[in-house]
Amino acid sequence: MPDPKPTSSNRRAAWLIVIAVVVAIGIFWAWTRSEQAAREEQAAPIPPSTEWTTAPESEGVDVRLPETPMTNVPLEGPAPAEGNTSAE
């Protein structure tokens, strides 16, 4: 005849099963939420990019820029004066 009192190992096994079921339900819930969010993102219309636009049909505003020659700028800045010894 089986023992009517549950032993500590039976209780431990029951708690492990309950915890495993709760974790499995939590994982399933999180997975369905992420799938639902992915479907909502796909359903939302994507606005057109403002980076690539078409030229306006009208002439627009007449802009006159000055004709300025390009000048080269040294990368390191001006050369130090020959009499300057503070750089040592």
N, C-alpha and C. Protein backbone atom coordinates (compact mmCIF):
# COMPACT_ATOMS: atom_id res chain seq x y z
N MET A 1 0.84 -1.17 0.00
CA MET A 1 0.00 0.00 0.00
C MET A 1 0.89 1.24 0.00
N PRO A 2 0.61 2.23 -0.90
CA PRO A 2 1.48 3.41 -0.95
C PRO A 2 1.34 4.28 0.28
N ASP A 3 2.40 4.98 0.54
CA ASP A 3 2.42 5.89 1.70
C ASP A 3 1.57 7.12 1.39
N PRO A 4 0.56 7.47 2.19
CA PRO A 4 -0.30 8.63 1.90
C PRO A 4 0.41 9.96 2.10
N LYS A 5 1.47 10.00 2.89
CA LYS A 5 2.19 11.26 3.11
C LYS A 5 3.19 11.47 1.98
N PRO A 6 3.16 12.66 1.34
CA PRO A 6 4.16 12.92 0.31
C PRO A 6 5.53 13.15 0.95
N THR A 7 6.53 12.61 0.34
CA THR A 7 7.88 12.79 0.85
C THR A 7 8.44 14.11 0.32
N SER A 8 9.56 14.50 0.85
CA SER A 8 10.17 15.76 0.42
C SER A 8 10.63 15.70 -1.03
N SER A 9 11.05 14.53 -1.50
CA SER A 9 11.48 14.42 -2.90
C SER A 9 10.28 14.55 -3.84
N ASN A 10 9.11 14.04 -3.43
CA ASN A 10 7.91 14.20 -4.25
C ASN A 10 7.49 15.67 -4.31
N ARG A 11 7.58 16.36 -3.19
CA ARG A 11 7.24 17.79 -3.17
C ARG A 11 8.20 18.59 -4.05
N ARG A 12 9.46 18.25 -3.95
CA ARG A 12 10.47 18.95 -4.74
C ARG A 12 10.21 18.73 -6.23
N ALA A 13 9.88 17.52 -6.61
CA ALA A 13 9.59 17.23 -8.02
C ALA A 13 8.34 17.98 -8.47
N ALA A 14 7.34 18.06 -7.61
CA ALA A 14 6.11 18.79 -7.96
C ALA A 14 6.41 20.27 -8.16
N TRP A 15 7.22 20.85 -7.28
CA TRP A 15 7.56 22.27 -7.42
C TRP A 15 8.39 22.51 -8.68
N LEU A 16 9.29 21.60 -9.00
CA LEU A 16 10.08 21.75 -10.22
C LEU A 16 9.18 21.70 -11.46
N ILE A 17 8.19 20.83 -11.45
CA ILE A 17 7.25 20.76 -12.57
C ILE A 17 6.44 22.04 -12.67
N VAL A 18 5.97 22.55 -11.54
CA VAL A 18 5.19 23.80 -11.54
C VAL A 18 6.04 24.95 -12.05
N ILE A 19 7.28 25.05 -11.60
CA ILE A 19 8.17 26.13 -12.05
C ILE A 19 8.47 26.00 -13.53
N ALA A 20 8.68 24.77 -14.01
CA ALA A 20 8.95 24.57 -15.44
C ALA A 20 7.75 24.97 -16.29
N VAL A 21 6.54 24.66 -15.82
CA VAL A 21 5.33 25.04 -16.56
C VAL A 21 5.19 26.55 -16.59
N VAL A 22 5.43 27.22 -15.47
CA VAL A 22 5.32 28.68 -15.41
C VAL A 22 6.35 29.33 -16.34
N VAL A 23 7.57 28.82 -16.36
CA VAL A 23 8.61 29.36 -17.25
C VAL A 23 8.22 29.14 -18.70
N ALA A 24 7.69 27.95 -19.02
CA ALA A 24 7.28 27.68 -20.40
C ALA A 24 6.15 28.61 -20.83
N ILE A 25 5.19 28.86 -19.94
CA ILE A 25 4.10 29.79 -20.26
C ILE A 25 4.66 31.20 -20.47
N GLY A 26 5.61 31.62 -19.64
CA GLY A 26 6.22 32.94 -19.80
C GLY A 26 6.96 33.08 -21.12
N ILE A 27 7.69 32.06 -21.51
CA ILE A 27 8.41 32.10 -22.79
C ILE A 27 7.42 32.15 -23.95
N PHE A 28 6.36 31.35 -23.88
CA PHE A 28 5.35 31.36 -24.94
C PHE A 28 4.67 32.73 -25.03
N TRP A 29 4.37 33.35 -23.89
CA TRP A 29 3.72 34.66 -23.87
C TRP A 29 4.64 35.72 -24.50
N ALA A 30 5.93 35.70 -24.13
CA ALA A 30 6.87 36.67 -24.68
C ALA A 30 7.04 36.46 -26.19
N TRP A 31 7.06 35.22 -26.64
CA TRP A 31 7.20 34.93 -28.07
C TRP A 31 6.00 35.43 -28.85
N THR A 32 4.79 35.21 -28.33
CA THR A 32 3.60 35.69 -29.05
C THR A 32 3.54 37.20 -29.07
N ARG A 33 4.00 37.86 -28.01
CA ARG A 33 4.02 39.33 -27.99
C ARG A 33 5.00 39.86 -29.03
N SER A 34 6.16 39.24 -29.17
CA SER A 34 7.14 39.71 -30.15
C SER A 34 6.64 39.46 -31.57
N GLU A 35 5.95 38.35 -31.81
CA GLU A 35 5.38 38.08 -33.13
C GLU A 35 4.30 39.10 -33.46
N GLN A 36 3.50 39.46 -32.47
CA GLN A 36 2.43 40.44 -32.69
C GLN A 36 3.03 41.81 -32.99
N ALA A 37 4.10 42.18 -32.29
CA ALA A 37 4.75 43.47 -32.55
C ALA A 37 5.36 43.49 -33.94
N ALA A 38 5.92 42.37 -34.38
CA ALA A 38 6.51 42.30 -35.72
C ALA A 38 5.43 42.45 -36.79
N ARG A 39 4.26 41.86 -36.57
CA ARG A 39 3.17 42.00 -37.53
C ARG A 39 2.67 43.44 -37.58
N GLU A 40 2.62 44.12 -36.43
CA GLU A 40 2.17 45.51 -36.40
C GLU A 40 3.16 46.41 -37.13
N GLU A 41 4.47 46.12 -37.02
CA GLU A 41 5.48 46.92 -37.72
C GLU A 41 5.34 46.75 -39.22
N GLN A 42 5.04 45.54 -39.67
CA GLN A 42 4.89 45.30 -41.10
C GLN A 42 3.63 45.96 -41.63
N ALA A 43 2.59 46.03 -40.81
CA ALA A 43 1.32 46.60 -41.25
C ALA A 43 1.39 48.12 -41.35
N ALA A 44 2.25 48.75 -40.55
CA ALA A 44 2.36 50.21 -40.56
C ALA A 44 3.02 50.66 -41.87
N PRO A 45 2.45 51.68 -42.53
CA PRO A 45 3.06 52.15 -43.78
C PRO A 45 4.40 52.83 -43.50
N ILE A 46 5.35 52.58 -44.37
CA ILE A 46 6.67 53.18 -44.24
C ILE A 46 6.66 54.52 -44.96
N PRO A 47 6.96 55.61 -44.24
CA PRO A 47 6.96 56.91 -44.91
C PRO A 47 8.10 57.00 -45.93
N PRO A 48 7.90 57.74 -46.99
CA PRO A 48 8.97 57.86 -47.99
C PRO A 48 10.18 58.58 -47.40
N SER A 49 11.34 58.21 -47.89
CA SER A 49 12.58 58.80 -47.41
C SER A 49 12.68 60.25 -47.87
N THR A 50 13.11 61.11 -46.98
CA THR A 50 13.32 62.51 -47.36
C THR A 50 14.70 62.72 -47.96
N GLU A 51 15.53 61.68 -47.93
CA GLU A 51 16.87 61.81 -48.48
C GLU A 51 16.82 61.90 -50.01
N TRP A 52 15.93 61.15 -50.63
CA TRP A 52 15.81 61.13 -52.08
C TRP A 52 14.49 61.79 -52.45
N THR A 53 14.56 62.98 -52.98
CA THR A 53 13.34 63.68 -53.38
C THR A 53 13.42 64.03 -54.86
N THR A 54 12.29 64.37 -55.41
CA THR A 54 12.26 64.77 -56.82
C THR A 54 12.45 66.28 -56.91
N ALA A 55 12.92 66.73 -58.05
CA ALA A 55 13.12 68.16 -58.26
C ALA A 55 11.77 68.86 -58.35
N PRO A 56 11.67 70.06 -57.82
CA PRO A 56 10.40 70.78 -57.91
C PRO A 56 10.08 71.13 -59.37
N GLU A 57 8.79 71.19 -59.66
CA GLU A 57 8.37 71.49 -61.04
C GLU A 57 8.60 72.95 -61.39
N SER A 58 8.45 73.84 -60.43
CA SER A 58 8.65 75.26 -60.72
C SER A 58 10.14 75.60 -60.68
N GLU A 59 10.49 76.79 -61.15
CA GLU A 59 11.88 77.24 -61.18
C GLU A 59 12.45 77.35 -59.77
N GLY A 60 11.69 77.78 -58.82
CA GLY A 60 12.19 77.94 -57.46
C GLY A 60 12.78 79.32 -57.25
N VAL A 61 13.66 79.45 -56.29
CA VAL A 61 14.27 80.73 -55.94
C VAL A 61 15.61 80.85 -56.67
N ASP A 62 15.85 82.00 -57.27
CA ASP A 62 17.11 82.24 -57.97
C ASP A 62 18.19 82.56 -56.94
N VAL A 63 19.22 81.74 -56.92
CA VAL A 63 20.32 81.91 -55.96
C VAL A 63 21.57 82.22 -56.74
N ARG A 64 22.27 83.29 -56.32
CA ARG A 64 23.51 83.67 -56.97
C ARG A 64 24.63 83.57 -55.93
N LEU A 65 25.51 82.62 -56.15
CA LEU A 65 26.63 82.42 -55.24
C LEU A 65 27.85 83.15 -55.78
N PRO A 66 28.70 83.69 -54.89
CA PRO A 66 29.91 84.38 -55.37
C PRO A 66 30.91 83.37 -55.92
N GLU A 67 31.67 83.81 -56.90
CA GLU A 67 32.71 82.97 -57.48
C GLU A 67 33.95 83.09 -56.60
N THR A 68 34.20 82.12 -55.75
CA THR A 68 35.36 82.16 -54.86
C THR A 68 36.31 81.03 -55.23
N PRO A 69 37.59 81.35 -55.38
CA PRO A 69 38.54 80.29 -55.70
C PRO A 69 38.78 79.39 -54.49
N MET A 70 39.07 78.14 -54.76
CA MET A 70 39.37 77.18 -53.69
C MET A 70 40.80 77.41 -53.22
N THR A 71 41.03 77.32 -51.92
CA THR A 71 42.39 77.44 -51.38
C THR A 71 42.69 76.21 -50.55
N ASN A 72 43.93 75.77 -50.60
CA ASN A 72 44.35 74.62 -49.81
C ASN A 72 44.67 75.08 -48.39
N VAL A 73 44.25 74.29 -47.42
CA VAL A 73 44.53 74.59 -46.03
C VAL A 73 45.43 73.47 -45.51
N PRO A 74 46.56 73.82 -44.88
CA PRO A 74 47.43 72.76 -44.37
C PRO A 74 46.73 71.97 -43.27
N LEU A 75 47.02 70.67 -43.21
CA LEU A 75 46.37 69.81 -42.24
C LEU A 75 46.84 70.07 -40.82
N GLU A 76 48.13 70.42 -40.63
CA GLU A 76 48.70 70.58 -39.30
C GLU A 76 48.64 72.01 -38.80
N GLY A 77 48.19 72.92 -39.55
CA GLY A 77 48.13 74.31 -39.12
C GLY A 77 49.37 75.06 -39.55
N PRO A 78 49.54 76.29 -39.10
CA PRO A 78 50.70 77.09 -39.52
C PRO A 78 52.00 76.54 -38.94
N ALA A 79 53.08 76.72 -39.69
CA ALA A 79 54.40 76.27 -39.23
C ALA A 79 54.87 77.18 -38.11
N PRO A 80 55.55 76.63 -37.09
CA PRO A 80 56.04 77.48 -36.00
C PRO A 80 57.15 78.41 -36.48
N ALA A 81 57.27 79.55 -35.85
CA ALA A 81 58.32 80.51 -36.21
C ALA A 81 59.68 79.92 -35.85
N GLU A 82 60.72 80.34 -36.60
CA GLU A 82 62.05 79.78 -36.39
C GLU A 82 62.64 80.17 -35.05
N GLY A 83 62.33 81.32 -34.54
CA GLY A 83 62.90 81.79 -33.28
C GLY A 83 62.15 81.26 -32.07
N ASN A 84 61.07 80.58 -32.25
CA ASN A 84 60.26 80.09 -31.14
C ASN A 84 60.87 78.80 -30.60
N THR A 85 61.27 78.79 -29.33
CA THR A 85 61.88 77.60 -28.72
C THR A 85 60.95 76.99 -27.67
N SER A 86 59.73 77.44 -27.56
CA SER A 86 58.84 76.92 -26.52
C SER A 86 58.31 75.53 -26.88
N ALA A 87 58.50 75.10 -28.11
CA ALA A 87 57.99 73.80 -28.53
C ALA A 87 58.88 72.66 -28.06
N GLU A 88 60.04 72.94 -27.51
CA GLU A 88 60.98 71.90 -27.11
C GLU A 88 60.60 71.24 -25.84
